[in-house]
Amino acid sequence: MPSIFTKIIKGEIPSYKVAEDDQFYAFLDIRPMVKGHTLVVPKLEVDVFFDLPEPILSDIIPFCQSVSKAMKSVIPCNRIGLTVMGLEVPHAHVHLMPINEMGDMSFSNTPKQLTKEQMSSLASSIHSAWVGTK
């Protein structure tokens, strides 16, 4: 059975897409720890991050870098934090989060509430900035 991320990538479930290429899909987390919390997902459905084939592992960091530069140009923050946990969904993925302090990346924090309009606008702004990095 396809993961929820595979369904998102295929357009079967709506998402707030910020970037996409032939290998990866990046979209806003709908339960963000911070404004702009983005998930980067390989299109190849593999559960465990380090079980991804080496070429995909080699390519995911440069893709994350381009997305993080776009995020930082749109969202004021000290840096973009990166974490790989992989316990929430059985599909390898990376969390990118605009942060100002270490506690901003705590998954024990209450998720932020953004309206659909705020999410759409933010995704569009990040996407436009990402396209500008290409």
C-alpha atoms as a PDB file:
ATOM      1  CA  MET A   1       0.000   0.000   0.000  1.00  0.00           C
ATOM      2  CA  PRO A   2       1.452   3.393  -0.967  1.00  0.00           C
ATOM      3  CA  SER A   3       2.489   5.711   1.858  1.00  0.00           C
ATOM      4  CA  ILE A   4       0.689   9.009   2.422  1.00  0.00           C
ATOM      5  CA  PHE A   5       3.783  10.721   0.946  1.00  0.00           C
ATOM      6  CA  THR A   6       3.530   8.676  -2.252  1.00  0.00           C
ATOM      7  CA  LYS A   7      -0.124   9.717  -2.500  1.00  0.00           C
ATOM      8  CA  ILE A   8       0.910  13.361  -2.015  1.00  0.00           C
ATOM      9  CA  ILE A   9       3.625  13.080  -4.687  1.00  0.00           C
ATOM     10  CA  LYS A  10       1.101  11.564  -7.123  1.00  0.00           C
ATOM     11  CA  GLY A  11      -1.390  14.360  -6.415  1.00  0.00           C
ATOM     12  CA  GLU A  12      -3.931  12.008  -4.841  1.00  0.00           C
ATOM     13  CA  ILE A  13      -3.758  14.051  -1.619  1.00  0.00           C
ATOM     14  CA  PRO A  14      -3.377  17.838  -1.809  1.00  0.00           C
ATOM     15  CA  SER A  15      -0.226  19.498  -0.512  1.00  0.00           C
ATOM     16  CA  TYR A  16       1.485  22.860  -0.306  1.00  0.00           C
ATOM     17  CA  LYS A  17       4.300  22.105  -2.743  1.00  0.00           C
ATOM     18  CA  VAL A  18       7.418  24.261  -2.529  1.00  0.00           C
ATOM     19  CA  ALA A  19       9.782  22.380  -4.881  1.00  0.00           C
ATOM     20  CA  GLU A  20       9.948  19.328  -7.113  1.00  0.00           C
ATOM     21  CA  ASP A  21      12.372  17.660  -9.494  1.00  0.00           C
ATOM     22  CA  ASP A  22      12.591  14.188 -10.980  1.00  0.00           C
ATOM     23  CA  GLN A  23      13.773  12.623  -7.688  1.00  0.00           C
ATOM     24  CA  PHE A  24      12.328  14.725  -4.847  1.00  0.00           C
ATOM     25  CA  TYR A  25       9.187  16.495  -3.721  1.00  0.00           C
ATOM     26  CA  ALA A  26       9.203  19.220  -1.028  1.00  0.00           C
ATOM     27  CA  PHE A  27       6.060  20.495   0.668  1.00  0.00           C
ATOM     28  CA  LEU A  28       4.952  22.311   3.801  1.00  0.00           C
ATOM     29  CA  ASP A  29       4.187  20.149   6.816  1.00  0.00           C
ATOM     30  CA  ILE A  30       0.497  20.561   7.694  1.00  0.00           C
ATOM     31  CA  ARG A  31       1.386  20.267  11.388  1.00  0.00           C
ATOM     32  CA  PRO A  32       4.398  22.588  11.416  1.00  0.00           C
ATOM     33  CA  MET A  33       6.637  22.938  14.436  1.00  0.00           C
ATOM     34  CA  VAL A  34       7.557  26.383  13.079  1.00  0.00           C
ATOM     35  CA  LYS A  35       6.264  28.528  10.238  1.00  0.00           C
ATOM     36  CA  GLY A  36       7.773  27.148   7.029  1.00  0.00           C
ATOM     37  CA  HIS A  37       8.439  23.609   8.330  1.00  0.00           C
ATOM     38  CA  THR A  38       9.036  21.709   5.095  1.00  0.00           C
ATOM     39  CA  LEU A  39       9.315  18.017   4.290  1.00  0.00           C
ATOM     40  CA  VAL A  40      11.626  16.766   1.552  1.00  0.00           C
ATOM     41  CA  VAL A  41      10.626  13.350   0.286  1.00  0.00           C
ATOM     42  CA  PRO A  42      12.332  11.143  -2.284  1.00  0.00           C
ATOM     43  CA  LYS A  43       9.884   9.983  -4.940  1.00  0.00           C
ATOM     44  CA  LEU A  44      11.215   6.465  -4.494  1.00  0.00           C
ATOM     45  CA  GLU A  45       9.220   4.940  -1.650  1.00  0.00           C
ATOM     46  CA  VAL A  46      11.699   3.512   0.846  1.00  0.00           C
ATOM     47  CA  ASP A  47      10.873   3.380   4.552  1.00  0.00           C
ATOM     48  CA  VAL A  48      14.283   3.881   6.203  1.00  0.00           C
ATOM     49  CA  PHE A  49      16.340   6.912   5.161  1.00  0.00           C
ATOM     50  CA  PHE A  50      19.680   5.065   5.121  1.00  0.00           C
ATOM     51  CA  ASP A  51      18.176   2.282   3.002  1.00  0.00           C
ATOM     52  CA  LEU A  52      17.818   4.720   0.110  1.00  0.00           C
ATOM     53  CA  PRO A  53      20.079   3.906  -2.851  1.00  0.00           C
ATOM     54  CA  GLU A  54      23.393   5.765  -2.722  1.00  0.00           C
ATOM     55  CA  PRO A  55      22.660   8.032  -5.716  1.00  0.00           C
ATOM     56  CA  ILE A  56      19.491   9.315  -4.024  1.00  0.00           C
ATOM     57  CA  LEU A  57      21.319   9.812  -0.731  1.00  0.00           C
ATOM     58  CA  SER A  58      23.990  11.774  -2.620  1.00  0.00           C
ATOM     59  CA  ASP A  59      21.411  13.970  -4.336  1.00  0.00           C
ATOM     60  CA  ILE A  60      19.043  14.704  -1.455  1.00  0.00           C
ATOM     61  CA  ILE A  61      21.391  17.098   0.374  1.00  0.00           C
ATOM     62  CA  PRO A  62      21.934  19.417  -2.629  1.00  0.00           C
ATOM     63  CA  PHE A  63      18.162  19.418  -3.190  1.00  0.00           C
ATOM     64  CA  CYS A  64      17.616  20.257   0.508  1.00  0.00           C
ATOM     65  CA  GLN A  65      20.244  22.985   0.200  1.00  0.00           C
ATOM     66  CA  SER A  66      18.387  24.674  -2.658  1.00  0.00           C
ATOM     67  CA  VAL A  67      15.084  24.453  -0.774  1.00  0.00           C
ATOM     68  CA  SER A  68      16.666  25.762   2.448  1.00  0.00           C
ATOM     69  CA  LYS A  69      18.150  28.772   0.617  1.00  0.00           C
ATOM     70  CA  ALA A  70      14.697  29.570  -0.748  1.00  0.00           C
ATOM     71  CA  MET A  71      13.144  29.140   2.698  1.00  0.00           C
ATOM     72  CA  LYS A  72      15.720  31.416   4.341  1.00  0.00           C
ATOM     73  CA  SER A  73      15.127  34.116   1.728  1.00  0.00           C
ATOM     74  CA  VAL A  74      11.406  34.104   2.582  1.00  0.00           C
ATOM     75  CA  ILE A  75      11.309  33.410   6.334  1.00  0.00           C
ATOM     76  CA  PRO A  76      13.417  35.491   8.735  1.00  0.00           C
ATOM     77  CA  CYS A  77      15.471  33.073  10.851  1.00  0.00           C
ATOM     78  CA  ASN A  78      19.001  32.389  12.061  1.00  0.00           C
ATOM     79  CA  ARG A  79      19.279  29.207  10.006  1.00  0.00           C
ATOM     80  CA  ILE A  80      17.426  26.270   8.539  1.00  0.00           C
ATOM     81  CA  GLY A  81      17.631  23.191  10.735  1.00  0.00           C
ATOM     82  CA  LEU A  82      17.584  19.689   9.283  1.00  0.00           C
ATOM     83  CA  THR A  83      16.529  16.466  10.928  1.00  0.00           C
ATOM     84  CA  VAL A  84      15.794  12.929   9.811  1.00  0.00           C
ATOM     85  CA  MET A  85      13.581  10.956  12.155  1.00  0.00           C
ATOM     86  CA  GLY A  86      11.412   8.759  10.003  1.00  0.00           C
ATOM     87  CA  LEU A  87       9.069   7.463  12.661  1.00  0.00           C
ATOM     88  CA  GLU A  88       5.893   9.317  11.672  1.00  0.00           C
ATOM     89  CA  VAL A  89       5.452   7.992   8.125  1.00  0.00           C
ATOM     90  CA  PRO A  90       6.999   4.822   6.633  1.00  0.00           C
ATOM     91  CA  HIS A  91       8.627   6.774   3.789  1.00  0.00           C
ATOM     92  CA  ALA A  92      12.107   8.303   4.095  1.00  0.00           C
ATOM     93  CA  HIS A  93      12.012  12.089   4.494  1.00  0.00           C
ATOM     94  CA  VAL A  94      13.893  15.109   5.773  1.00  0.00           C
ATOM     95  CA  HIS A  95      12.469  17.898   7.938  1.00  0.00           C
ATOM     96  CA  LEU A  96      13.714  21.415   7.126  1.00  0.00           C
ATOM     97  CA  MET A  97      12.771  24.057   9.697  1.00  0.00           C
ATOM     98  CA  PRO A  98      13.505  27.764   9.983  1.00  0.00           C
ATOM     99  CA  ILE A  99      14.937  28.158  13.484  1.00  0.00           C
ATOM    100  CA  ASN A 100      16.216  30.832  15.814  1.00  0.00           C
ATOM    101  CA  GLU A 101      17.024  28.547  18.750  1.00  0.00           C
ATOM    102  CA  MET A 102      17.409  24.809  19.331  1.00  0.00           C
ATOM    103  CA  GLY A 103      14.016  24.461  20.999  1.00  0.00           C
ATOM    104  CA  ASP A 104      12.317  25.478  17.751  1.00  0.00           C
ATOM    105  CA  MET A 105      12.975  21.974  16.385  1.00  0.00           C
ATOM    106  CA  SER A 106      11.420  20.103  19.294  1.00  0.00           C
ATOM    107  CA  PHE A 107       8.668  17.774  18.167  1.00  0.00           C
ATOM    108  CA  SER A 108       7.195  18.018  21.661  1.00  0.00           C
ATOM    109  CA  ASN A 109       6.170  21.619  20.908  1.00  0.00           C
ATOM    110  CA  THR A 110       2.572  22.289  19.981  1.00  0.00           C
ATOM    111  CA  PRO A 111       2.260  22.524  16.188  1.00  0.00           C
ATOM    112  CA  LYS A 112       1.669  26.007  14.803  1.00  0.00           C
ATOM    113  CA  GLN A 113      -1.735  26.877  13.396  1.00  0.00           C
ATOM    114  CA  LEU A 114      -1.689  28.551   9.981  1.00  0.00           C
ATOM    115  CA  THR A 115      -4.695  29.180   7.776  1.00  0.00           C
ATOM    116  CA  LYS A 116      -4.984  27.596   4.327  1.00  0.00           C
ATOM    117  CA  GLU A 117      -4.380  31.043   2.865  1.00  0.00           C
ATOM    118  CA  GLN A 118      -1.204  31.505   4.923  1.00  0.00           C
ATOM    119  CA  MET A 119       0.036  28.045   3.908  1.00  0.00           C
ATOM    120  CA  SER A 120      -0.714  28.664   0.226  1.00  0.00           C
ATOM    121  CA  SER A 121       0.971  32.057   0.259  1.00  0.00           C
ATOM    122  CA  LEU A 122       4.026  30.715   2.081  1.00  0.00           C
ATOM    123  CA  ALA A 123       4.354  27.725  -0.277  1.00  0.00           C
ATOM    124  CA  SER A 124       4.059  30.020  -3.283  1.00  0.00           C
ATOM    125  CA  SER A 125       6.708  32.408  -1.915  1.00  0.00           C
ATOM    126  CA  ILE A 126       9.156  29.605  -1.154  1.00  0.00           C
ATOM    127  CA  HIS A 127       8.509  28.010  -4.547  1.00  0.00           C
ATOM    128  CA  SER A 128       9.154  31.304  -6.348  1.00  0.00           C
ATOM    129  CA  ALA A 129      12.393  31.775  -4.400  1.00  0.00           C
ATOM    130  CA  TRP A 130      13.395  28.146  -5.141  1.00  0.00           C
ATOM    131  CA  VAL A 131      12.806  28.588  -8.868  1.00  0.00           C
ATOM    132  CA  GLY A 132      15.047  31.672  -8.607  1.00  0.00           C
ATOM    133  CA  THR A 133      17.898  29.499  -7.243  1.00  0.00           C
ATOM    134  CA  LYS A 134      17.847  27.176 -10.281  1.00  0.00           C
END
